[in-house]
Amino acid sequence: LQVIFEGQAHVQVGKKGPIVKDEKYCCMSINVMKDNRDIIHCQPGKHKYHFSLNMPHKIPGSIVVEYGYIAYWITAVVDFVGDDILIRNRKTITVGSYVDLNAYSVCKKSIHRYAEKNIMCGICTIVFEVKLLQGGYVPSQTIKFICKVENMSSINVKKVKFKIVQIFKMYTQDYQQQHVKVLGKEEDVEDSFVPSDSEKTWTVPLSIPSDAVAPDLTGCTIIKMQCEIIGTLVLPFPYRNLKLRVPFYLGTVPITSTAI
């Protein structure tokens, strides 16, 4: 009786036909029937065998997204001597991730991003700024950040809104495809109308859902993940809205001294 633990990342991308790529992880096996004999006789009936496996310290966490997945299996194989028969039973298991944000200095640093839009040939400008107090967060945590809009143009900013997105990127040798998921819902900032020739500043809270997945994908080369806060300044027609993307890290262990 042999027990095998194995994992695999799989992506399938392409618009004109599927392009498939796989990546294997940690194929381990143990002989559950610990005996020096080549053949072990078992009486008819039900038999239970206990086993344990020491899993590798760093393997990518289990995920399932559009265009790809990372999955792990436990397979039991029974070899009946003389009958040339193998009986296999496979069960899928979930491998959790452990991403300690305290281990990465970049997660403790503040993040500042801004975007500009020129109106009337660059004479008048709208500046959109966002500042995060830190660069890493975990599910169930509320991100509180500073948002500032300087409207030096002749038009009014109708409102400001934000959402959190999680982006999974799938890679093959010659192709890339991504799956974008909105975490929670898009929120309008309260009292975010900004008249021309004025500026406003807000402290904006955005909550990360408790069921958001934060897999450790450092050991995977064909699936990568990133998270962003996307801010939108809604402008009147015919002007295009101004967008600002602010990246941050999503982990499982929060930065010390931060609230969840």
C-alpha atoms as a PDB file:
ATOM      1  CA  LEU A   1       0.000   0.000   0.000  1.00  0.00           C
ATOM      2  CA  GLN A   2       1.652   3.171  -1.232  1.00  0.00           C
ATOM      3  CA  VAL A   3       0.501   6.739  -0.507  1.00  0.00           C
ATOM      4  CA  ILE A   4       1.556   9.514  -2.898  1.00  0.00           C
ATOM      5  CA  PHE A   5       1.329  13.269  -2.285  1.00  0.00           C
ATOM      6  CA  GLU A   6       1.674  15.512  -5.335  1.00  0.00           C
ATOM      7  CA  GLY A   7       0.669  18.935  -6.579  1.00  0.00           C
ATOM      8  CA  GLN A   8       0.330  20.789  -9.846  1.00  0.00           C
ATOM      9  CA  ALA A   9      -0.270  24.252 -11.235  1.00  0.00           C
ATOM     10  CA  HIS A  10      -2.237  24.294 -14.480  1.00  0.00           C
ATOM     11  CA  VAL A  11      -3.103  27.152 -16.821  1.00  0.00           C
ATOM     12  CA  GLN A  12      -5.117  27.122 -20.022  1.00  0.00           C
ATOM     13  CA  VAL A  13      -5.108  30.382 -21.953  1.00  0.00           C
ATOM     14  CA  GLY A  14      -5.524  31.646 -25.499  1.00  0.00           C
ATOM     15  CA  LYS A  15      -8.357  33.145 -27.531  1.00  0.00           C
ATOM     16  CA  LYS A  16      -7.790  31.195 -30.766  1.00  0.00           C
ATOM     17  CA  GLY A  17      -7.350  27.824 -29.086  1.00  0.00           C
ATOM     18  CA  PRO A  18      -6.178  26.602 -25.695  1.00  0.00           C
ATOM     19  CA  ILE A  19      -2.512  26.944 -24.768  1.00  0.00           C
ATOM     20  CA  VAL A  20      -1.812  24.679 -21.815  1.00  0.00           C
ATOM     21  CA  LYS A  21       1.085  24.703 -19.377  1.00  0.00           C
ATOM     22  CA  ASP A  22       1.631  22.678 -16.209  1.00  0.00           C
ATOM     23  CA  GLU A  23       4.053  22.944 -13.315  1.00  0.00           C
ATOM     24  CA  LYS A  24       4.606  20.023 -10.925  1.00  0.00           C
ATOM     25  CA  TYR A  25       5.250  20.239  -7.179  1.00  0.00           C
ATOM     26  CA  CYS A  26       6.664  17.885  -4.550  1.00  0.00           C
ATOM     27  CA  CYS A  27       5.885  14.320  -5.594  1.00  0.00           C
ATOM     28  CA  MET A  28       6.366  12.370  -2.330  1.00  0.00           C
ATOM     29  CA  SER A  29       5.499   8.757  -1.542  1.00  0.00           C
ATOM     30  CA  ILE A  30       5.559   6.475   1.488  1.00  0.00           C
ATOM     31  CA  ASN A  31       4.945   2.773   2.035  1.00  0.00           C
ATOM     32  CA  VAL A  32       2.182   2.568   4.613  1.00  0.00           C
ATOM     33  CA  MET A  33       2.649  -1.146   5.314  1.00  0.00           C
ATOM     34  CA  LYS A  34       5.991  -0.993   7.074  1.00  0.00           C
ATOM     35  CA  ASP A  35       7.339  -4.481   6.618  1.00  0.00           C
ATOM     36  CA  ASN A  36      10.584  -5.892   5.286  1.00  0.00           C
ATOM     37  CA  ARG A  37       8.745  -8.523   3.287  1.00  0.00           C
ATOM     38  CA  ASP A  38       7.965  -7.980  -0.389  1.00  0.00           C
ATOM     39  CA  ILE A  39       4.504  -9.539  -0.019  1.00  0.00           C
ATOM     40  CA  ILE A  40       2.112  -8.931   2.887  1.00  0.00           C
ATOM     41  CA  HIS A  41      -0.927 -11.171   3.344  1.00  0.00           C
ATOM     42  CA  CYS A  42      -4.158  -9.447   4.393  1.00  0.00           C
ATOM     43  CA  GLN A  43      -7.221 -11.347   5.547  1.00  0.00           C
ATOM     44  CA  PRO A  44     -10.568 -10.512   3.923  1.00  0.00           C
ATOM     45  CA  GLY A  45     -12.342  -7.578   5.554  1.00  0.00           C
ATOM     46  CA  LYS A  46     -11.828  -3.904   6.278  1.00  0.00           C
ATOM     47  CA  HIS A  47      -8.357  -2.668   7.171  1.00  0.00           C
ATOM     48  CA  LYS A  48      -7.346   0.807   8.359  1.00  0.00           C
ATOM     49  CA  TYR A  49      -3.825   2.180   8.065  1.00  0.00           C
ATOM     50  CA  HIS A  50      -2.665   5.472   9.540  1.00  0.00           C
ATOM     51  CA  PHE A  51       0.048   7.530   7.897  1.00  0.00           C
ATOM     52  CA  SER A  52       1.628  10.976   8.066  1.00  0.00           C
ATOM     53  CA  LEU A  53       3.572  13.134   5.636  1.00  0.00           C
ATOM     54  CA  ASN A  54       5.959  15.993   6.319  1.00  0.00           C
ATOM     55  CA  MET A  55       4.961  18.546   3.715  1.00  0.00           C
ATOM     56  CA  PRO A  56       7.552  20.922   2.258  1.00  0.00           C
ATOM     57  CA  HIS A  57       7.810  24.265   4.052  1.00  0.00           C
ATOM     58  CA  LYS A  58       7.282  26.466   0.997  1.00  0.00           C
ATOM     59  CA  ILE A  59       4.834  25.315  -1.654  1.00  0.00           C
ATOM     60  CA  PRO A  60       2.208  27.428  -3.463  1.00  0.00           C
ATOM     61  CA  GLY A  61      -1.227  27.503  -1.832  1.00  0.00           C
ATOM     62  CA  SER A  62      -4.301  25.912  -3.392  1.00  0.00           C
ATOM     63  CA  ILE A  63      -6.395  28.178  -5.620  1.00  0.00           C
ATOM     64  CA  VAL A  64      -8.982  27.855  -8.378  1.00  0.00           C
ATOM     65  CA  VAL A  65      -9.518  30.785 -10.734  1.00  0.00           C
ATOM     66  CA  GLU A  66     -10.622  31.251 -14.298  1.00  0.00           C
ATOM     67  CA  TYR A  67      -7.950  29.941 -16.700  1.00  0.00           C
ATOM     68  CA  GLY A  68      -5.973  28.127 -14.011  1.00  0.00           C
ATOM     69  CA  TYR A  69      -5.596  26.365 -10.692  1.00  0.00           C
ATOM     70  CA  ILE A  70      -3.117  25.005  -8.161  1.00  0.00           C
ATOM     71  CA  ALA A  71      -4.252  21.683  -6.702  1.00  0.00           C
ATOM     72  CA  TYR A  72      -2.882  18.890  -4.514  1.00  0.00           C
ATOM     73  CA  TRP A  73      -3.814  15.223  -4.210  1.00  0.00           C
ATOM     74  CA  ILE A  74      -3.299  12.264  -1.918  1.00  0.00           C
ATOM     75  CA  THR A  75      -3.369   8.995  -3.890  1.00  0.00           C
ATOM     76  CA  ALA A  76      -3.484   5.552  -2.290  1.00  0.00           C
ATOM     77  CA  VAL A  77      -2.263   2.689  -4.502  1.00  0.00           C
ATOM     78  CA  VAL A  78      -2.868  -0.973  -3.657  1.00  0.00           C
ATOM     79  CA  ASP A  79      -0.827  -3.511  -5.635  1.00  0.00           C
ATOM     80  CA  PHE A  80      -2.318  -7.004  -5.746  1.00  0.00           C
ATOM     81  CA  VAL A  81       0.510  -9.434  -6.424  1.00  0.00           C
ATOM     82  CA  GLY A  82      -0.250 -12.102  -8.993  1.00  0.00           C
ATOM     83  CA  ASP A  83      -3.344 -10.428 -10.423  1.00  0.00           C
ATOM     84  CA  ASP A  84      -1.454  -7.585 -12.108  1.00  0.00           C
ATOM     85  CA  ILE A  85      -4.069  -5.183 -10.714  1.00  0.00           C
ATOM     86  CA  LEU A  86      -3.538  -1.723  -9.248  1.00  0.00           C
ATOM     87  CA  ILE A  87      -6.348  -0.047  -7.328  1.00  0.00           C
ATOM     88  CA  ARG A  88      -6.060   3.726  -6.943  1.00  0.00           C
ATOM     89  CA  ASN A  89      -8.097   6.141  -4.850  1.00  0.00           C
ATOM     90  CA  ARG A  90      -7.381   9.863  -5.135  1.00  0.00           C
ATOM     91  CA  LYS A  91      -8.576  12.633  -2.833  1.00  0.00           C
ATOM     92  CA  THR A  92      -8.072  16.352  -3.376  1.00  0.00           C
ATOM     93  CA  ILE A  93      -6.741  18.281  -0.385  1.00  0.00           C
ATOM     94  CA  THR A  94      -6.421  22.011   0.250  1.00  0.00           C
ATOM     95  CA  VAL A  95      -2.987  23.432   1.033  1.00  0.00           C
ATOM     96  CA  GLY A  96      -3.200  26.706   2.912  1.00  0.00           C
ATOM     97  CA  SER A  97      -0.798  29.621   2.600  1.00  0.00           C
ATOM     98  CA  TYR A  98       1.145  31.449   5.267  1.00  0.00           C
ATOM     99  CA  VAL A  99       2.242  34.915   4.183  1.00  0.00           C
ATOM    100  CA  ASP A 100       3.685  36.934   7.075  1.00  0.00           C
ATOM    101  CA  LEU A 101       3.663  40.578   5.979  1.00  0.00           C
ATOM    102  CA  ASN A 102       6.123  41.428   8.764  1.00  0.00           C
ATOM    103  CA  ALA A 103       8.797  39.500   6.872  1.00  0.00           C
ATOM    104  CA  TYR A 104       8.752  41.988   3.983  1.00  0.00           C
ATOM    105  CA  SER A 105       9.945  45.539   4.623  1.00  0.00           C
ATOM    106  CA  VAL A 106       8.060  46.871   1.597  1.00  0.00           C
ATOM    107  CA  CYS A 107       4.761  45.942   3.290  1.00  0.00           C
ATOM    108  CA  LYS A 108       5.524  48.289   6.194  1.00  0.00           C
ATOM    109  CA  LYS A 109       6.248  51.320   4.015  1.00  0.00           C
ATOM    110  CA  SER A 110       3.643  53.862   2.948  1.00  0.00           C
ATOM    111  CA  ILE A 111       2.565  54.004  -0.694  1.00  0.00           C
ATOM    112  CA  HIS A 112       1.897  57.247  -2.564  1.00  0.00           C
ATOM    113  CA  ARG A 113       0.442  57.436  -6.070  1.00  0.00           C
ATOM    114  CA  TYR A 114      -1.016  60.271  -8.119  1.00  0.00           C
ATOM    115  CA  ALA A 115      -2.490  60.890 -11.552  1.00  0.00           C
ATOM    116  CA  GLU A 116      -3.103  64.076 -13.523  1.00  0.00           C
ATOM    117  CA  LYS A 117      -5.524  65.104 -16.228  1.00  0.00           C
ATOM    118  CA  ASN A 118      -5.022  68.195 -18.340  1.00  0.00           C
ATOM    119  CA  ILE A 119      -8.030  70.189 -19.467  1.00  0.00           C
ATOM    120  CA  MET A 120      -7.938  72.846 -22.213  1.00  0.00           C
ATOM    121  CA  CYS A 121      -4.526  72.010 -23.717  1.00  0.00           C
ATOM    122  CA  GLY A 122      -2.764  71.680 -20.373  1.00  0.00           C
ATOM    123  CA  ILE A 123      -3.715  75.089 -19.008  1.00  0.00           C
ATOM    124  CA  CYS A 124      -5.938  73.591 -16.284  1.00  0.00           C
ATOM    125  CA  THR A 125      -5.138  70.417 -14.381  1.00  0.00           C
ATOM    126  CA  ILE A 126      -6.901  67.917 -12.119  1.00  0.00           C
ATOM    127  CA  VAL A 127      -4.606  66.091  -9.675  1.00  0.00           C
ATOM    128  CA  PHE A 128      -5.761  62.864  -8.009  1.00  0.00           C
ATOM    129  CA  GLU A 129      -3.645  61.580  -5.070  1.00  0.00           C
ATOM    130  CA  VAL A 130      -3.860  58.544  -2.780  1.00  0.00           C
ATOM    131  CA  LYS A 131      -1.593  57.630   0.134  1.00  0.00           C
ATOM    132  CA  LEU A 132      -1.674  54.296   1.976  1.00  0.00           C
ATOM    133  CA  LEU A 133      -0.163  54.243   5.458  1.00  0.00           C
ATOM    134  CA  GLN A 134       1.353  50.807   4.805  1.00  0.00           C
ATOM    135  CA  GLY A 135       1.822  48.470   1.867  1.00  0.00           C
ATOM    136  CA  GLY A 136       0.415  45.191   3.191  1.00  0.00           C
ATOM    137  CA  TYR A 137      -2.988  44.042   4.465  1.00  0.00           C
ATOM    138  CA  VAL A 138      -4.913  40.836   5.216  1.00  0.00           C
ATOM    139  CA  PRO A 139      -8.501  39.626   4.646  1.00  0.00           C
ATOM    140  CA  SER A 140     -11.051  41.164   7.072  1.00  0.00           C
ATOM    141  CA  GLN A 141      -8.833  44.227   7.492  1.00  0.00           C
ATOM    142  CA  THR A 142     -10.048  47.755   6.691  1.00  0.00           C
ATOM    143  CA  ILE A 143      -7.694  49.833   4.564  1.00  0.00           C
ATOM    144  CA  LYS A 144      -7.829  53.482   5.624  1.00  0.00           C
ATOM    145  CA  PHE A 145      -6.091  55.829   3.227  1.00  0.00           C
ATOM    146  CA  ILE A 146      -5.833  59.521   2.406  1.00  0.00           C
ATOM    147  CA  CYS A 147      -7.367  60.758  -0.841  1.00  0.00           C
ATOM    148  CA  LYS A 148      -6.884  64.278  -2.190  1.00  0.00           C
ATOM    149  CA  VAL A 149      -8.283  65.946  -5.312  1.00  0.00           C
ATOM    150  CA  GLU A 150      -6.994  69.299  -6.578  1.00  0.00           C
ATOM    151  CA  ASN A 151      -9.355  70.597  -9.223  1.00  0.00           C
ATOM    152  CA  MET A 152      -7.671  73.529 -10.957  1.00  0.00           C
ATOM    153  CA  SER A 153      -9.785  73.097 -14.084  1.00  0.00           C
ATOM    154  CA  SER A 154     -12.938  74.786 -15.331  1.00  0.00           C
ATOM    155  CA  ILE A 155     -15.102  71.662 -14.885  1.00  0.00           C
ATOM    156  CA  ASN A 156     -16.550  69.999 -11.795  1.00  0.00           C
ATOM    157  CA  VAL A 157     -15.580  66.559 -10.500  1.00  0.00           C
ATOM    158  CA  LYS A 158     -18.932  64.801 -10.068  1.00  0.00           C
ATOM    159  CA  LYS A 159     -17.769  62.215  -7.527  1.00  0.00           C
ATOM    160  CA  VAL A 160     -14.913  59.936  -6.422  1.00  0.00           C
ATOM    161  CA  LYS A 161     -15.230  56.167  -6.042  1.00  0.00           C
ATOM    162  CA  PHE A 162     -12.938  53.269  -5.104  1.00  0.00           C
ATOM    163  CA  LYS A 163     -12.820  49.497  -5.359  1.00  0.00           C
ATOM    164  CA  ILE A 164     -10.365  46.719  -4.496  1.00  0.00           C
ATOM    165  CA  VAL A 165      -9.417  44.256  -7.218  1.00  0.00           C
ATOM    166  CA  GLN A 166      -7.435  41.033  -7.148  1.00  0.00           C
ATOM    167  CA  ILE A 167      -5.675  40.135 -10.380  1.00  0.00           C
ATOM    168  CA  PHE A 168      -4.445  36.646 -11.214  1.00  0.00           C
ATOM    169  CA  LYS A 169      -2.092  36.456 -14.189  1.00  0.00           C
ATOM    170  CA  MET A 170      -1.585  33.184 -16.048  1.00  0.00           C
ATOM    171  CA  TYR A 171       1.580  32.696 -18.089  1.00  0.00           C
ATOM    172  CA  THR A 172       2.692  30.336 -20.819  1.00  0.00           C
ATOM    173  CA  GLN A 173       5.851  30.685 -22.862  1.00  0.00           C
ATOM    174  CA  ASP A 174       4.291  32.979 -25.457  1.00  0.00           C
ATOM    175  CA  TYR A 175       1.004  34.106 -23.957  1.00  0.00           C
ATOM    176  CA  GLN A 176      -0.456  35.819 -20.900  1.00  0.00           C
ATOM    177  CA  GLN A 177      -4.044  36.060 -19.699  1.00  0.00           C
ATOM    178  CA  GLN A 178      -5.528  37.481 -16.523  1.00  0.00           C
ATOM    179  CA  HIS A 179      -8.570  37.056 -14.323  1.00  0.00           C
ATOM    180  CA  VAL A 180      -9.767  40.133 -12.420  1.00  0.00           C
ATOM    181  CA  LYS A 181     -11.984  39.815  -9.353  1.00  0.00           C
ATOM    182  CA  VAL A 182     -13.529  42.728  -7.455  1.00  0.00           C
ATOM    183  CA  LEU A 183     -13.176  42.202  -3.690  1.00  0.00           C
ATOM    184  CA  GLY A 184     -16.329  43.536  -2.084  1.00  0.00           C
ATOM    185  CA  LYS A 185     -18.074  46.289  -4.008  1.00  0.00           C
ATOM    186  CA  GLU A 186     -17.210  49.674  -5.463  1.00  0.00           C
ATOM    187  CA  GLU A 187     -17.811  52.459  -2.935  1.00  0.00           C
ATOM    188  CA  ASP A 188     -18.618  56.137  -3.544  1.00  0.00           C
ATOM    189  CA  VAL A 189     -16.741  58.593  -1.331  1.00  0.00           C
ATOM    190  CA  GLU A 190     -19.156  60.639   0.752  1.00  0.00           C
ATOM    191  CA  ASP A 191     -19.431  64.321  -0.225  1.00  0.00           C
ATOM    192  CA  SER A 192     -16.952  63.886  -3.076  1.00  0.00           C
ATOM    193  CA  PHE A 193     -18.264  66.541  -5.460  1.00  0.00           C
ATOM    194  CA  VAL A 194     -15.307  68.856  -6.166  1.00  0.00           C
ATOM    195  CA  PRO A 195     -16.162  72.202  -7.843  1.00  0.00           C
ATOM    196  CA  SER A 196     -13.736  73.863 -10.230  1.00  0.00           C
ATOM    197  CA  ASP A 197     -10.852  75.817  -8.679  1.00  0.00           C
ATOM    198  CA  SER A 198     -11.057  73.949  -5.368  1.00  0.00           C
ATOM    199  CA  GLU A 199      -9.595  70.950  -3.552  1.00  0.00           C
ATOM    200  CA  LYS A 200     -10.809  68.340  -1.075  1.00  0.00           C
ATOM    201  CA  THR A 201      -9.222  65.680   1.142  1.00  0.00           C
ATOM    202  CA  TRP A 202     -10.851  62.582   2.654  1.00  0.00           C
ATOM    203  CA  THR A 203      -9.933  59.619   4.817  1.00  0.00           C
ATOM    204  CA  VAL A 204     -11.436  56.666   2.973  1.00  0.00           C
ATOM    205  CA  PRO A 205     -12.108  53.211   4.514  1.00  0.00           C
ATOM    206  CA  LEU A 206     -12.249  50.132   2.285  1.00  0.00           C
ATOM    207  CA  SER A 207     -12.769  46.671   3.782  1.00  0.00           C
ATOM    208  CA  ILE A 208     -11.168  43.516   2.406  1.00  0.00           C
ATOM    209  CA  PRO A 209     -13.709  40.643   2.532  1.00  0.00           C
ATOM    210  CA  SER A 210     -12.960  37.879   5.036  1.00  0.00           C
ATOM    211  CA  ASP A 211     -13.255  35.228   2.308  1.00  0.00           C
ATOM    212  CA  ALA A 212     -10.595  36.814   0.072  1.00  0.00           C
ATOM    213  CA  VAL A 213      -7.840  34.319  -0.753  1.00  0.00           C
ATOM    214  CA  ALA A 214      -4.215  35.236  -0.127  1.00  0.00           C
ATOM    215  CA  PRO A 215      -2.139  32.382  -1.563  1.00  0.00           C
ATOM    216  CA  ASP A 216       1.639  32.313  -1.392  1.00  0.00           C
ATOM    217  CA  LEU A 217       2.634  32.055  -5.063  1.00  0.00           C
ATOM    218  CA  THR A 218       6.363  32.765  -4.732  1.00  0.00           C
ATOM    219  CA  GLY A 219       7.141  29.180  -5.752  1.00  0.00           C
ATOM    220  CA  CYS A 220       4.866  29.262  -8.815  1.00  0.00           C
ATOM    221  CA  THR A 221       6.114  30.634 -12.132  1.00  0.00           C
ATOM    222  CA  ILE A 222       2.945  30.316 -14.238  1.00  0.00           C
ATOM    223  CA  ILE A 223       0.369  31.959 -11.927  1.00  0.00           C
ATOM    224  CA  LYS A 224       0.965  35.305 -10.220  1.00  0.00           C
ATOM    225  CA  MET A 225      -1.298  37.534  -8.128  1.00  0.00           C
ATOM    226  CA  GLN A 226      -1.481  41.238  -7.379  1.00  0.00           C
ATOM    227  CA  CYS A 227      -3.987  43.458  -5.564  1.00  0.00           C
ATOM    228  CA  GLU A 228      -4.859  47.067  -6.302  1.00  0.00           C
ATOM    229  CA  ILE A 229      -7.083  49.855  -5.085  1.00  0.00           C
ATOM    230  CA  ILE A 230      -8.600  51.507  -8.151  1.00  0.00           C
ATOM    231  CA  GLY A 231      -9.853  55.057  -7.732  1.00  0.00           C
ATOM    232  CA  THR A 232     -12.039  56.828 -10.285  1.00  0.00           C
ATOM    233  CA  LEU A 233     -12.789  60.531 -10.661  1.00  0.00           C
ATOM    234  CA  VAL A 234     -16.132  60.771 -12.443  1.00  0.00           C
ATOM    235  CA  LEU A 235     -16.063  63.715 -14.854  1.00  0.00           C
ATOM    236  CA  PRO A 236     -18.881  65.256 -16.908  1.00  0.00           C
ATOM    237  CA  PHE A 237     -19.364  64.410 -20.586  1.00  0.00           C
ATOM    238  CA  PRO A 238     -17.440  64.583 -22.905  1.00  0.00           C
ATOM    239  CA  TYR A 239     -14.400  64.157 -20.651  1.00  0.00           C
ATOM    240  CA  ARG A 240     -13.061  60.725 -19.809  1.00  0.00           C
ATOM    241  CA  ASN A 241     -12.922  59.693 -16.177  1.00  0.00           C
ATOM    242  CA  LEU A 242      -9.537  59.804 -14.459  1.00  0.00           C
ATOM    243  CA  LYS A 243      -8.371  56.525 -12.916  1.00  0.00           C
ATOM    244  CA  LEU A 244      -5.638  55.820 -10.382  1.00  0.00           C
ATOM    245  CA  ARG A 245      -4.286  52.355  -9.514  1.00  0.00           C
ATOM    246  CA  VAL A 246      -2.562  51.809  -6.160  1.00  0.00           C
ATOM    247  CA  PRO A 247      -0.933  48.372  -5.636  1.00  0.00           C
ATOM    248  CA  PHE A 248      -0.670  46.673  -2.253  1.00  0.00           C
ATOM    249  CA  TYR A 249       0.298  43.257  -0.860  1.00  0.00           C
ATOM    250  CA  LEU A 250      -2.258  40.765   0.459  1.00  0.00           C
ATOM    251  CA  GLY A 251      -1.098  38.294   3.100  1.00  0.00           C
ATOM    252  CA  THR A 252      -2.369  36.136   5.951  1.00  0.00           C
ATOM    253  CA  VAL A 253      -0.450  37.538   8.951  1.00  0.00           C
ATOM    254  CA  PRO A 254      -1.039  41.277   9.548  1.00  0.00           C
ATOM    255  CA  ILE A 255       1.684  43.788  10.235  1.00  0.00           C
ATOM    256  CA  THR A 256       2.325  44.050  13.963  1.00  0.00           C
ATOM    257  CA  SER A 257       0.329  46.766  15.769  1.00  0.00           C
ATOM    258  CA  THR A 258      -2.255  47.142  12.996  1.00  0.00           C
ATOM    259  CA  ALA A 259      -5.952  46.507  13.589  1.00  0.00           C
ATOM    260  CA  ILE A 260      -8.016  43.904  11.770  1.00  0.00           C
END
